[in-house]
């Protein structure tokens, strides 16, 4: 864990009552704080209860790692990855 605990106990699954902006900022911060992934070309958006990751990663395994990091913030199963490897 990167020091970004999952939002818990706030109602709506995947978002737990936080605003879109707060959720997006938390996921972006977690991605940029991770030393093992280059997050400069990853865009984070919110669609309903889901956090969407779009953009590009450079290494094999970075797609899964980015999703893992985001799930650490919003909860398992509430992240959709639309990332491509360059």
C-alpha atoms as a PDB file:
ATOM      1  CA  UNK A   1       0.000   0.000   0.000  1.00  0.00           C
ATOM      2  CA  UNK A   2       1.261   3.448  -0.869  1.00  0.00           C
ATOM      3  CA  UNK A   3      -0.256   5.313   2.034  1.00  0.00           C
ATOM      4  CA  UNK A   4      -3.506   5.932   0.165  1.00  0.00           C
ATOM      5  CA  UNK A   5      -6.052   3.884   2.108  1.00  0.00           C
ATOM      6  CA  UNK A   6      -9.198   2.796   0.308  1.00  0.00           C
ATOM      7  CA  UNK A   7     -12.224   4.951   1.003  1.00  0.00           C
ATOM      8  CA  UNK A   8     -14.425   2.885   3.294  1.00  0.00           C
ATOM      9  CA  UNK A   9     -17.720   3.110   5.066  1.00  0.00           C
ATOM     10  CA  UNK A  10     -19.315   5.938   3.089  1.00  0.00           C
ATOM     11  CA  UNK A  11     -22.197   4.415   1.151  1.00  0.00           C
ATOM     12  CA  UNK A  12     -21.946   4.182  -2.631  1.00  0.00           C
ATOM     13  CA  UNK A  13     -19.809   1.212  -3.700  1.00  0.00           C
ATOM     14  CA  UNK A  14     -16.625   2.153  -5.518  1.00  0.00           C
ATOM     15  CA  UNK A  15     -16.943   5.809  -4.683  1.00  0.00           C
ATOM     16  CA  UNK A  16     -18.024   5.680  -1.033  1.00  0.00           C
ATOM     17  CA  UNK A  17     -19.644   9.115  -1.107  1.00  0.00           C
ATOM     18  CA  UNK A  18     -16.621  11.107  -2.251  1.00  0.00           C
ATOM     19  CA  UNK A  19     -16.917  13.626  -5.050  1.00  0.00           C
ATOM     20  CA  UNK A  20     -15.667  12.791  -8.523  1.00  0.00           C
ATOM     21  CA  UNK A  21     -12.886  15.333  -8.124  1.00  0.00           C
ATOM     22  CA  UNK A  22     -11.704  13.904  -4.799  1.00  0.00           C
ATOM     23  CA  UNK A  23     -11.759  10.338  -6.117  1.00  0.00           C
ATOM     24  CA  UNK A  24      -9.937  11.303  -9.315  1.00  0.00           C
ATOM     25  CA  UNK A  25      -7.314  13.292  -7.388  1.00  0.00           C
ATOM     26  CA  UNK A  26      -6.691  10.428  -4.961  1.00  0.00           C
ATOM     27  CA  UNK A  27      -6.201   7.908  -7.760  1.00  0.00           C
ATOM     28  CA  UNK A  28      -3.939  10.284  -9.708  1.00  0.00           C
ATOM     29  CA  UNK A  29      -1.845  10.928  -6.593  1.00  0.00           C
ATOM     30  CA  UNK A  30      -1.484   7.215  -5.925  1.00  0.00           C
ATOM     31  CA  UNK A  31      -0.436   6.525  -9.522  1.00  0.00           C
ATOM     32  CA  UNK A  32       2.141   9.327  -9.532  1.00  0.00           C
ATOM     33  CA  UNK A  33       3.506   8.284  -6.131  1.00  0.00           C
ATOM     34  CA  UNK A  34       4.194   4.735  -7.289  1.00  0.00           C
ATOM     35  CA  UNK A  35       7.871   4.432  -8.107  1.00  0.00           C
ATOM     36  CA  UNK A  36       7.402   1.319 -10.230  1.00  0.00           C
ATOM     37  CA  UNK A  37       5.109   2.810 -12.896  1.00  0.00           C
ATOM     38  CA  UNK A  38       5.298   5.812 -15.245  1.00  0.00           C
ATOM     39  CA  UNK A  39       1.891   7.470 -14.876  1.00  0.00           C
ATOM     40  CA  UNK A  40       2.476  10.591 -16.976  1.00  0.00           C
ATOM     41  CA  UNK A  41       0.290   9.375 -19.835  1.00  0.00           C
ATOM     42  CA  UNK A  42      -2.534   7.915 -17.749  1.00  0.00           C
ATOM     43  CA  UNK A  43      -5.772   9.907 -17.534  1.00  0.00           C
ATOM     44  CA  UNK A  44      -8.213   9.205 -14.716  1.00  0.00           C
ATOM     45  CA  UNK A  45     -11.949   9.807 -15.101  1.00  0.00           C
ATOM     46  CA  UNK A  46     -15.089   8.813 -13.249  1.00  0.00           C
ATOM     47  CA  UNK A  47     -18.175   7.219 -14.793  1.00  0.00           C
ATOM     48  CA  UNK A  48     -20.882   6.389 -12.283  1.00  0.00           C
ATOM     49  CA  UNK A  49     -19.377   4.090  -9.659  1.00  0.00           C
ATOM     50  CA  UNK A  50     -16.320   3.306 -11.766  1.00  0.00           C
ATOM     51  CA  UNK A  51     -12.899   4.852 -12.086  1.00  0.00           C
ATOM     52  CA  UNK A  52     -11.637   4.726 -15.675  1.00  0.00           C
ATOM     53  CA  UNK A  53      -7.923   4.652 -16.533  1.00  0.00           C
ATOM     54  CA  UNK A  54      -7.119   5.643 -20.119  1.00  0.00           C
ATOM     55  CA  UNK A  55      -3.900   6.327 -21.953  1.00  0.00           C
ATOM     56  CA  UNK A  56      -0.567   4.658 -22.433  1.00  0.00           C
ATOM     57  CA  UNK A  57       1.971   2.726 -20.387  1.00  0.00           C
ATOM     58  CA  UNK A  58       5.461   1.696 -21.427  1.00  0.00           C
ATOM     59  CA  UNK A  59       6.198  -1.702 -19.911  1.00  0.00           C
ATOM     60  CA  UNK A  60       4.565  -5.074 -19.831  1.00  0.00           C
ATOM     61  CA  UNK A  61       2.642  -5.451 -16.599  1.00  0.00           C
ATOM     62  CA  UNK A  62       2.045  -1.714 -16.148  1.00  0.00           C
ATOM     63  CA  UNK A  63      -1.624  -2.026 -17.119  1.00  0.00           C
ATOM     64  CA  UNK A  64      -2.249  -4.506 -14.327  1.00  0.00           C
ATOM     65  CA  UNK A  65      -0.136  -2.486 -11.898  1.00  0.00           C
ATOM     66  CA  UNK A  66      -2.036   0.737 -12.636  1.00  0.00           C
ATOM     67  CA  UNK A  67      -5.353  -1.029 -12.049  1.00  0.00           C
ATOM     68  CA  UNK A  68      -4.022  -2.532  -8.812  1.00  0.00           C
ATOM     69  CA  UNK A  69      -2.961   0.906  -7.570  1.00  0.00           C
ATOM     70  CA  UNK A  70      -6.334   2.462  -8.446  1.00  0.00           C
ATOM     71  CA  UNK A  71      -8.201  -0.423  -6.788  1.00  0.00           C
ATOM     72  CA  UNK A  72      -6.195   0.245  -3.649  1.00  0.00           C
ATOM     73  CA  UNK A  73      -7.886   3.640  -3.540  1.00  0.00           C
ATOM     74  CA  UNK A  74     -11.458   2.994  -4.751  1.00  0.00           C
ATOM     75  CA  UNK A  75     -11.896  -0.709  -4.075  1.00  0.00           C
ATOM     76  CA  UNK A  76     -11.512  -3.929  -5.974  1.00  0.00           C
ATOM     77  CA  UNK A  77     -13.808  -4.259  -8.971  1.00  0.00           C
ATOM     78  CA  UNK A  78     -14.480  -0.540  -9.416  1.00  0.00           C
ATOM     79  CA  UNK A  79     -11.680   0.227 -11.888  1.00  0.00           C
ATOM     80  CA  UNK A  80     -11.874  -0.151 -15.648  1.00  0.00           C
ATOM     81  CA  UNK A  81      -8.621  -0.063 -17.582  1.00  0.00           C
ATOM     82  CA  UNK A  82      -8.495   1.279 -21.115  1.00  0.00           C
ATOM     83  CA  UNK A  83      -4.726   1.445 -21.190  1.00  0.00           C
ATOM     84  CA  UNK A  84      -2.481   0.540 -24.104  1.00  0.00           C
ATOM     85  CA  UNK A  85       1.182  -0.375 -24.036  1.00  0.00           C
ATOM     86  CA  UNK A  86       3.455   1.568 -26.397  1.00  0.00           C
END
